[in-house]
Amino acid sequence: MALNRPIRDWAGKRVWIVGASTGIGAALAEKLSRAGARLAISARGADKLATLGARLNQPLLLPLDVRDAAALAAAHAKILQAWGGLDLTVFNAGMYSAMRAEDFDLSAMQEHFTVNYGGVVNGLAAILPDYLRRAAEHPALAIVASVAGYRGLPQSLAYGPSKAALINLAESLYLDLAPRGIGVHLISPGFVDTPMTRGNEFKMPALITADEAADQIIAGLARGQFETHFPRRFTRTLKALRLLPYAAYFSAIHKVTGL
């Protein structure tokens, strides 16, 4: 069932991808550019952003740090000046480092929330006033969370809670914005081969490429889904585990992970 207006024709669509220099964001930018979208791309790494931009069709290059709310507001102002508005904003910037309780690091915990959750909130502060003014045009936003936010997992003490917060945020935004005609999409990837995950020292089940992840996101937007999760052979199992009572869930996770 479509909970958002499907996005199928990308020709001329105005898309801002925040967190676009590598991984899923870069793959999505390339695919949408080939489909005819007009792109604005943002990330901290200006050099990587420029390299990606050279492969796209005249994108707006807007390097920034998502921790800086003023920088996001300034970038959005440049987009409005160039295009007059946005049809889709994708919040994809994030960080990840494995952590367990015996390695608790306060600064790392705080940094995960500052980047993963706070970065989206800073972006929302920039775009929402304009989205609400142009609600009749049906703009949309997409938040890239993670299946690590479904329930607690080993080695995910910092990352998982920040992604759980994004899931809750997306659900709350949908309740507020969908009645106004504004699309809200939640993207919940499993393991994707990106620079962020290549440091993992454990086997990543059902690992897919960034290109495959981008294809799944585009397909979910075309179906008008609220949540797009992938790869389904993995994420369906995690969704089923969410239904277990705590005793059964904790036992299952210990058995599967050995942790």
C-alpha atoms as a PDB file:
ATOM      1  CA  MET A   1       0.000   0.000   0.000  1.00  0.00           C
ATOM      2  CA  ALA A   2       1.361   3.398  -1.019  1.00  0.00           C
ATOM      3  CA  LEU A   3       1.580   5.697   2.000  1.00  0.00           C
ATOM      4  CA  ASN A   4       3.300   8.461   0.007  1.00  0.00           C
ATOM      5  CA  ARG A   5       2.886   9.818  -3.501  1.00  0.00           C
ATOM      6  CA  PRO A   6       5.028   7.540  -5.711  1.00  0.00           C
ATOM      7  CA  ILE A   7       8.063   9.155  -7.325  1.00  0.00           C
ATOM      8  CA  ARG A   8       8.653   7.504 -10.701  1.00  0.00           C
ATOM      9  CA  ASP A   9       9.540  10.223 -13.197  1.00  0.00           C
ATOM     10  CA  TRP A  10      12.836  11.817 -12.180  1.00  0.00           C
ATOM     11  CA  ALA A  11      13.187  14.144 -15.181  1.00  0.00           C
ATOM     12  CA  GLY A  12      13.708  17.656 -13.814  1.00  0.00           C
ATOM     13  CA  LYS A  13      13.121  16.613 -10.195  1.00  0.00           C
ATOM     14  CA  ARG A  14      15.064  18.798  -7.747  1.00  0.00           C
ATOM     15  CA  VAL A  15      16.883  16.510  -5.316  1.00  0.00           C
ATOM     16  CA  TRP A  16      19.241  17.355  -2.459  1.00  0.00           C
ATOM     17  CA  ILE A  17      21.326  14.457  -1.142  1.00  0.00           C
ATOM     18  CA  VAL A  18      23.003  15.227   2.182  1.00  0.00           C
ATOM     19  CA  GLY A  19      25.803  12.735   2.684  1.00  0.00           C
ATOM     20  CA  ALA A  20      26.549  12.100  -0.975  1.00  0.00           C
ATOM     21  CA  SER A  21      30.301  11.776  -1.392  1.00  0.00           C
ATOM     22  CA  THR A  22      30.649   7.985  -0.980  1.00  0.00           C
ATOM     23  CA  GLY A  23      28.656   4.809  -0.484  1.00  0.00           C
ATOM     24  CA  ILE A  24      24.879   4.792  -0.795  1.00  0.00           C
ATOM     25  CA  GLY A  25      24.642   8.557  -1.260  1.00  0.00           C
ATOM     26  CA  ALA A  26      27.093   8.625  -4.162  1.00  0.00           C
ATOM     27  CA  ALA A  27      25.464   5.620  -5.855  1.00  0.00           C
ATOM     28  CA  LEU A  28      22.020   7.190  -5.497  1.00  0.00           C
ATOM     29  CA  ALA A  29      23.274  10.494  -6.905  1.00  0.00           C
ATOM     30  CA  GLU A  30      24.701   8.815  -9.996  1.00  0.00           C
ATOM     31  CA  LYS A  31      21.536   6.836 -10.683  1.00  0.00           C
ATOM     32  CA  LEU A  32      19.207   9.811 -10.216  1.00  0.00           C
ATOM     33  CA  SER A  33      21.432  12.005 -12.379  1.00  0.00           C
ATOM     34  CA  ARG A  34      21.232   9.448 -15.181  1.00  0.00           C
ATOM     35  CA  ALA A  35      17.437   9.407 -14.736  1.00  0.00           C
ATOM     36  CA  GLY A  36      17.305  13.169 -15.366  1.00  0.00           C
ATOM     37  CA  ALA A  37      17.101  14.616 -11.859  1.00  0.00           C
ATOM     38  CA  ARG A  38      18.682  17.942 -10.973  1.00  0.00           C
ATOM     39  CA  LEU A  39      20.980  17.300  -8.048  1.00  0.00           C
ATOM     40  CA  ALA A  40      22.418  19.236  -5.153  1.00  0.00           C
ATOM     41  CA  ILE A  41      24.982  17.180  -3.263  1.00  0.00           C
ATOM     42  CA  SER A  42      26.480  17.791   0.156  1.00  0.00           C
ATOM     43  CA  ALA A  43      29.144  16.156   2.311  1.00  0.00           C
ATOM     44  CA  ARG A  44      32.100  17.180   4.459  1.00  0.00           C
ATOM     45  CA  GLY A  45      34.721  16.052   1.941  1.00  0.00           C
ATOM     46  CA  ALA A  46      34.851  18.786  -0.693  1.00  0.00           C
ATOM     47  CA  ASP A  47      37.384  16.870  -2.814  1.00  0.00           C
ATOM     48  CA  LYS A  48      35.299  13.693  -2.895  1.00  0.00           C
ATOM     49  CA  LEU A  49      32.215  15.777  -3.612  1.00  0.00           C
ATOM     50  CA  ALA A  50      33.952  17.417  -6.566  1.00  0.00           C
ATOM     51  CA  THR A  51      35.047  14.024  -7.889  1.00  0.00           C
ATOM     52  CA  LEU A  52      31.476  12.780  -7.735  1.00  0.00           C
ATOM     53  CA  GLY A  53      30.163  16.003  -9.230  1.00  0.00           C
ATOM     54  CA  ALA A  54      32.341  15.507 -12.296  1.00  0.00           C
ATOM     55  CA  ARG A  55      30.364  12.329 -13.032  1.00  0.00           C
ATOM     56  CA  LEU A  56      26.985  14.031 -12.701  1.00  0.00           C
ATOM     57  CA  ASN A  57      25.010  16.434 -14.868  1.00  0.00           C
ATOM     58  CA  GLN A  58      25.958  19.893 -13.554  1.00  0.00           C
ATOM     59  CA  PRO A  59      25.050  19.384  -9.896  1.00  0.00           C
ATOM     60  CA  LEU A  60      25.099  22.040  -7.215  1.00  0.00           C
ATOM     61  CA  LEU A  61      28.127  21.265  -5.035  1.00  0.00           C
ATOM     62  CA  LEU A  62      27.411  22.278  -1.454  1.00  0.00           C
ATOM     63  CA  PRO A  63      30.105  20.968   0.916  1.00  0.00           C
ATOM     64  CA  LEU A  64      29.118  21.211   4.577  1.00  0.00           C
ATOM     65  CA  ASP A  65      29.226  19.528   7.963  1.00  0.00           C
ATOM     66  CA  VAL A  66      25.780  18.347   9.135  1.00  0.00           C
ATOM     67  CA  ARG A  67      26.740  19.292  12.696  1.00  0.00           C
ATOM     68  CA  ASP A  68      26.555  22.934  11.579  1.00  0.00           C
ATOM     69  CA  ALA A  69      22.897  23.995  11.389  1.00  0.00           C
ATOM     70  CA  ALA A  70      23.829  27.362   9.891  1.00  0.00           C
ATOM     71  CA  ALA A  71      25.732  25.651   7.069  1.00  0.00           C
ATOM     72  CA  LEU A  72      22.711  23.531   6.197  1.00  0.00           C
ATOM     73  CA  ALA A  73      20.471  26.598   6.227  1.00  0.00           C
ATOM     74  CA  ALA A  74      22.911  28.469   3.976  1.00  0.00           C
ATOM     75  CA  ALA A  75      23.111  25.547   1.546  1.00  0.00           C
ATOM     76  CA  HIS A  76      19.324  25.328   1.411  1.00  0.00           C
ATOM     77  CA  ALA A  77      19.137  29.063   0.708  1.00  0.00           C
ATOM     78  CA  LYS A  78      21.454  28.565  -2.277  1.00  0.00           C
ATOM     79  CA  ILE A  79      19.202  25.781  -3.564  1.00  0.00           C
ATOM     80  CA  LEU A  80      16.129  27.993  -3.276  1.00  0.00           C
ATOM     81  CA  GLN A  81      17.947  30.782  -5.105  1.00  0.00           C
ATOM     82  CA  ALA A  82      18.939  28.413  -7.922  1.00  0.00           C
ATOM     83  CA  TRP A  83      15.804  26.296  -8.228  1.00  0.00           C
ATOM     84  CA  GLY A  84      13.020  27.880  -6.198  1.00  0.00           C
ATOM     85  CA  GLY A  85      12.390  24.721  -4.192  1.00  0.00           C
ATOM     86  CA  LEU A  86      13.052  21.031  -3.688  1.00  0.00           C
ATOM     87  CA  ASP A  87      11.090  17.950  -4.659  1.00  0.00           C
ATOM     88  CA  LEU A  88      13.073  15.522  -2.495  1.00  0.00           C
ATOM     89  CA  THR A  89      15.679  15.814   0.246  1.00  0.00           C
ATOM     90  CA  VAL A  90      17.610  12.680   1.241  1.00  0.00           C
ATOM     91  CA  PHE A  91      19.271  12.745   4.663  1.00  0.00           C
ATOM     92  CA  ASN A  92      22.014  10.148   4.365  1.00  0.00           C
ATOM     93  CA  ALA A  93      24.988  11.546   6.305  1.00  0.00           C
ATOM     94  CA  GLY A  94      26.122   9.361   9.167  1.00  0.00           C
ATOM     95  CA  MET A  95      28.929   7.762  11.144  1.00  0.00           C
ATOM     96  CA  TYR A  96      29.505   4.340  12.638  1.00  0.00           C
ATOM     97  CA  SER A  97      31.953   2.749  15.017  1.00  0.00           C
ATOM     98  CA  ALA A  98      31.464  -0.497  16.882  1.00  0.00           C
ATOM     99  CA  MET A  99      31.081  -0.213  20.642  1.00  0.00           C
ATOM    100  CA  ARG A 100      30.267  -2.530  23.530  1.00  0.00           C
ATOM    101  CA  ALA A 101      29.661  -1.629  27.177  1.00  0.00           C
ATOM    102  CA  GLU A 102      33.185  -2.571  28.252  1.00  0.00           C
ATOM    103  CA  ASP A 103      34.518  -0.047  25.717  1.00  0.00           C
ATOM    104  CA  PHE A 104      32.081   2.738  26.618  1.00  0.00           C
ATOM    105  CA  ASP A 105      33.254   6.063  25.202  1.00  0.00           C
ATOM    106  CA  LEU A 106      31.187   9.099  26.129  1.00  0.00           C
ATOM    107  CA  SER A 107      32.525  11.344  23.367  1.00  0.00           C
ATOM    108  CA  ALA A 108      31.867   8.672  20.716  1.00  0.00           C
ATOM    109  CA  MET A 109      28.331   8.141  22.040  1.00  0.00           C
ATOM    110  CA  GLN A 110      27.629  11.842  21.853  1.00  0.00           C
ATOM    111  CA  GLU A 111      29.207  12.162  18.411  1.00  0.00           C
ATOM    112  CA  HIS A 112      26.950   9.442  16.988  1.00  0.00           C
ATOM    113  CA  PHE A 113      23.893  11.364  18.122  1.00  0.00           C
ATOM    114  CA  THR A 114      25.304  14.703  17.001  1.00  0.00           C
ATOM    115  CA  VAL A 115      25.980  13.416  13.478  1.00  0.00           C
ATOM    116  CA  ASN A 116      23.385  10.694  12.861  1.00  0.00           C
ATOM    117  CA  TYR A 117      20.400  12.251  14.617  1.00  0.00           C
ATOM    118  CA  GLY A 118      21.395  15.887  15.093  1.00  0.00           C
ATOM    119  CA  GLY A 119      22.466  16.172  11.454  1.00  0.00           C
ATOM    120  CA  VAL A 120      18.965  15.250  10.297  1.00  0.00           C
ATOM    121  CA  VAL A 121      17.363  17.618  12.789  1.00  0.00           C
ATOM    122  CA  ASN A 122      19.596  20.437  11.526  1.00  0.00           C
ATOM    123  CA  GLY A 123      18.515  19.615   7.980  1.00  0.00           C
ATOM    124  CA  LEU A 124      14.864  19.572   8.932  1.00  0.00           C
ATOM    125  CA  ALA A 125      15.223  23.020  10.477  1.00  0.00           C
ATOM    126  CA  ALA A 126      16.467  24.217   7.095  1.00  0.00           C
ATOM    127  CA  ILE A 127      13.864  22.645   4.817  1.00  0.00           C
ATOM    128  CA  LEU A 128      10.617  22.337   6.793  1.00  0.00           C
ATOM    129  CA  PRO A 129       9.472  25.981   6.655  1.00  0.00           C
ATOM    130  CA  ASP A 130       9.708  25.958   2.860  1.00  0.00           C
ATOM    131  CA  TYR A 131       8.168  22.480   2.612  1.00  0.00           C
ATOM    132  CA  LEU A 132       5.180  23.597   4.664  1.00  0.00           C
ATOM    133  CA  ARG A 133       4.743  26.719   2.497  1.00  0.00           C
ATOM    134  CA  ARG A 134       4.837  24.583  -0.653  1.00  0.00           C
ATOM    135  CA  ALA A 135       2.867  21.617   0.661  1.00  0.00           C
ATOM    136  CA  ALA A 136       0.538  21.774  -2.336  1.00  0.00           C
ATOM    137  CA  GLU A 137       3.531  20.870  -4.541  1.00  0.00           C
ATOM    138  CA  HIS A 138       3.988  17.648  -2.532  1.00  0.00           C
ATOM    139  CA  PRO A 139       7.694  17.831  -1.669  1.00  0.00           C
ATOM    140  CA  ALA A 140       9.187  14.783   0.040  1.00  0.00           C
ATOM    141  CA  LEU A 141      12.004  13.879   2.384  1.00  0.00           C
ATOM    142  CA  ALA A 142      13.798  10.607   3.014  1.00  0.00           C
ATOM    143  CA  ILE A 143      15.687   9.664   6.172  1.00  0.00           C
ATOM    144  CA  VAL A 144      18.314   6.916   5.971  1.00  0.00           C
ATOM    145  CA  ALA A 145      18.231   5.048   9.280  1.00  0.00           C
ATOM    146  CA  SER A 146      19.267   1.393   9.669  1.00  0.00           C
ATOM    147  CA  VAL A 147      17.891  -1.978  10.699  1.00  0.00           C
ATOM    148  CA  ALA A 148      20.343  -1.591  13.605  1.00  0.00           C
ATOM    149  CA  GLY A 149      17.703   0.737  15.034  1.00  0.00           C
ATOM    150  CA  TYR A 150      15.027  -1.963  15.207  1.00  0.00           C
ATOM    151  CA  ARG A 151      16.217  -3.491  18.496  1.00  0.00           C
ATOM    152  CA  GLY A 152      19.398  -3.580  20.561  1.00  0.00           C
ATOM    153  CA  LEU A 153      22.334  -5.435  19.001  1.00  0.00           C
ATOM    154  CA  PRO A 154      25.853  -6.339  20.161  1.00  0.00           C
ATOM    155  CA  GLN A 155      28.578  -3.854  19.168  1.00  0.00           C
ATOM    156  CA  SER A 156      25.903  -1.262  18.379  1.00  0.00           C
ATOM    157  CA  LEU A 157      25.845   0.638  21.657  1.00  0.00           C
ATOM    158  CA  ALA A 158      26.473   4.014  20.006  1.00  0.00           C
ATOM    159  CA  TYR A 159      25.173   3.508  16.475  1.00  0.00           C
ATOM    160  CA  GLY A 160      21.949   1.592  17.121  1.00  0.00           C
ATOM    161  CA  PRO A 161      20.283   4.102  19.473  1.00  0.00           C
ATOM    162  CA  SER A 162      21.010   6.978  17.069  1.00  0.00           C
ATOM    163  CA  LYS A 163      19.307   5.068  14.262  1.00  0.00           C
ATOM    164  CA  ALA A 164      16.400   4.050  16.495  1.00  0.00           C
ATOM    165  CA  ALA A 165      15.874   7.749  17.147  1.00  0.00           C
ATOM    166  CA  LEU A 166      15.696   8.377  13.396  1.00  0.00           C
ATOM    167  CA  ILE A 167      13.060   5.680  12.955  1.00  0.00           C
ATOM    168  CA  ASN A 168      10.919   7.280  15.644  1.00  0.00           C
ATOM    169  CA  LEU A 169      11.538  10.716  14.133  1.00  0.00           C
ATOM    170  CA  ALA A 170      10.439   9.565  10.675  1.00  0.00           C
ATOM    171  CA  GLU A 171       7.261   7.998  12.081  1.00  0.00           C
ATOM    172  CA  SER A 172       6.381  11.189  13.965  1.00  0.00           C
ATOM    173  CA  LEU A 173       7.109  13.346  10.914  1.00  0.00           C
ATOM    174  CA  TYR A 174       4.879  11.152   8.770  1.00  0.00           C
ATOM    175  CA  LEU A 175       1.950  11.610  11.140  1.00  0.00           C
ATOM    176  CA  ASP A 176       2.369  15.394  10.975  1.00  0.00           C
ATOM    177  CA  LEU A 177       3.295  15.878   7.328  1.00  0.00           C
ATOM    178  CA  ALA A 178       1.478  13.213   5.305  1.00  0.00           C
ATOM    179  CA  PRO A 179      -1.965  14.789   5.906  1.00  0.00           C
ATOM    180  CA  ARG A 180      -0.542  17.975   4.372  1.00  0.00           C
ATOM    181  CA  GLY A 181       0.621  16.108   1.264  1.00  0.00           C
ATOM    182  CA  ILE A 182       4.323  16.096   2.170  1.00  0.00           C
ATOM    183  CA  GLY A 183       6.052  12.752   1.645  1.00  0.00           C
ATOM    184  CA  VAL A 184       8.105  11.117   4.387  1.00  0.00           C
ATOM    185  CA  HIS A 185      10.193   8.060   3.521  1.00  0.00           C
ATOM    186  CA  LEU A 186      12.159   5.903   5.952  1.00  0.00           C
ATOM    187  CA  ILE A 187      15.109   3.997   4.483  1.00  0.00           C
ATOM    188  CA  SER A 188      16.331   1.048   6.585  1.00  0.00           C
ATOM    189  CA  PRO A 189      19.393  -0.647   5.069  1.00  0.00           C
ATOM    190  CA  GLY A 190      20.979  -3.826   6.322  1.00  0.00           C
ATOM    191  CA  PHE A 191      24.673  -4.370   5.633  1.00  0.00           C
ATOM    192  CA  VAL A 192      25.941  -2.411   2.628  1.00  0.00           C
ATOM    193  CA  ASP A 193      29.517  -2.489   1.343  1.00  0.00           C
ATOM    194  CA  THR A 194      30.634   1.104   1.977  1.00  0.00           C
ATOM    195  CA  PRO A 195      33.726   2.775   3.450  1.00  0.00           C
ATOM    196  CA  MET A 196      31.804   2.970   6.745  1.00  0.00           C
ATOM    197  CA  THR A 197      31.276  -0.814   7.031  1.00  0.00           C
ATOM    198  CA  ARG A 198      34.596  -2.057   5.635  1.00  0.00           C
ATOM    199  CA  GLY A 199      36.232  -1.783   9.037  1.00  0.00           C
ATOM    200  CA  ASN A 200      33.867  -4.354  10.547  1.00  0.00           C
ATOM    201  CA  GLU A 201      35.729  -7.382  11.862  1.00  0.00           C
ATOM    202  CA  PHE A 202      32.662  -9.644  11.855  1.00  0.00           C
ATOM    203  CA  LYS A 203      30.836 -11.376   9.030  1.00  0.00           C
ATOM    204  CA  MET A 204      28.104  -9.156   7.637  1.00  0.00           C
ATOM    205  CA  PRO A 205      25.132 -11.307   6.564  1.00  0.00           C
ATOM    206  CA  ALA A 206      23.438 -10.589   3.223  1.00  0.00           C
ATOM    207  CA  LEU A 207      25.983  -7.884   2.352  1.00  0.00           C
ATOM    208  CA  ILE A 208      25.008  -5.909  -0.772  1.00  0.00           C
ATOM    209  CA  THR A 209      26.711  -3.231  -2.857  1.00  0.00           C
ATOM    210  CA  ALA A 210      25.960   0.485  -2.678  1.00  0.00           C
ATOM    211  CA  ASP A 211      24.560   0.285  -6.223  1.00  0.00           C
ATOM    212  CA  GLU A 212      22.126  -2.415  -5.130  1.00  0.00           C
ATOM    213  CA  ALA A 213      21.109  -0.316  -2.143  1.00  0.00           C
ATOM    214  CA  ALA A 214      20.470   2.708  -4.378  1.00  0.00           C
ATOM    215  CA  ASP A 215      18.307   0.570  -6.672  1.00  0.00           C
ATOM    216  CA  GLN A 216      16.249  -0.542  -3.671  1.00  0.00           C
ATOM    217  CA  ILE A 217      15.765   3.055  -2.518  1.00  0.00           C
ATOM    218  CA  ILE A 218      14.623   4.182  -5.966  1.00  0.00           C
ATOM    219  CA  ALA A 219      12.220   1.236  -6.170  1.00  0.00           C
ATOM    220  CA  GLY A 220      10.781   2.080  -2.748  1.00  0.00           C
ATOM    221  CA  LEU A 221      10.249   5.711  -3.739  1.00  0.00           C
ATOM    222  CA  ALA A 222       8.522   4.543  -6.916  1.00  0.00           C
ATOM    223  CA  ARG A 223       6.134   2.429  -4.827  1.00  0.00           C
ATOM    224  CA  GLY A 224       5.381   5.287  -2.465  1.00  0.00           C
ATOM    225  CA  GLN A 225       6.380   3.203   0.537  1.00  0.00           C
ATOM    226  CA  PHE A 226       6.834   4.707   3.970  1.00  0.00           C
ATOM    227  CA  GLU A 227       9.627   2.285   4.832  1.00  0.00           C
ATOM    228  CA  THR A 228      12.025   0.744   2.344  1.00  0.00           C
ATOM    229  CA  HIS A 229      14.151  -1.955   3.973  1.00  0.00           C
ATOM    230  CA  PHE A 230      16.722  -4.171   2.293  1.00  0.00           C
ATOM    231  CA  PRO A 231      18.007  -6.749   1.565  1.00  0.00           C
ATOM    232  CA  ARG A 232      14.698  -8.380   2.440  1.00  0.00           C
ATOM    233  CA  ARG A 233      16.143 -11.861   2.947  1.00  0.00           C
ATOM    234  CA  PHE A 234      17.894 -10.317   5.967  1.00  0.00           C
ATOM    235  CA  THR A 235      15.611  -7.498   7.055  1.00  0.00           C
ATOM    236  CA  ARG A 236      12.481  -9.667   7.176  1.00  0.00           C
ATOM    237  CA  THR A 237      14.226 -11.842   9.755  1.00  0.00           C
ATOM    238  CA  LEU A 238      15.087  -8.806  11.860  1.00  0.00           C
ATOM    239  CA  LYS A 239      11.510  -7.574  11.616  1.00  0.00           C
ATOM    240  CA  ALA A 240      10.277 -10.945  12.847  1.00  0.00           C
ATOM    241  CA  LEU A 241      12.721 -10.794  15.760  1.00  0.00           C
ATOM    242  CA  ARG A 242      11.150  -7.481  16.809  1.00  0.00           C
ATOM    243  CA  LEU A 243       7.986  -9.394  17.691  1.00  0.00           C
ATOM    244  CA  LEU A 244       9.673 -11.728  20.158  1.00  0.00           C
ATOM    245  CA  PRO A 245       9.419 -11.169  23.910  1.00  0.00           C
ATOM    246  CA  TYR A 246      12.689 -10.041  25.483  1.00  0.00           C
ATOM    247  CA  ALA A 247      13.747 -13.442  26.863  1.00  0.00           C
ATOM    248  CA  ALA A 248      13.384 -15.094  23.453  1.00  0.00           C
ATOM    249  CA  TYR A 249      14.960 -12.143  21.625  1.00  0.00           C
ATOM    250  CA  PHE A 250      18.052 -11.923  23.838  1.00  0.00           C
ATOM    251  CA  SER A 251      18.546 -15.687  23.620  1.00  0.00           C
ATOM    252  CA  ALA A 252      18.231 -15.665  19.820  1.00  0.00           C
ATOM    253  CA  ILE A 253      20.706 -12.793  19.384  1.00  0.00           C
ATOM    254  CA  HIS A 254      23.278 -14.465  21.649  1.00  0.00           C
ATOM    255  CA  LYS A 255      22.981 -17.706  19.678  1.00  0.00           C
ATOM    256  CA  VAL A 256      23.220 -16.076  16.273  1.00  0.00           C
ATOM    257  CA  THR A 257      26.079 -13.686  17.059  1.00  0.00           C
ATOM    258  CA  GLY A 258      27.950 -15.672  19.692  1.00  0.00           C
ATOM    259  CA  LEU A 259      28.228 -12.433  21.691  1.00  0.00           C
END
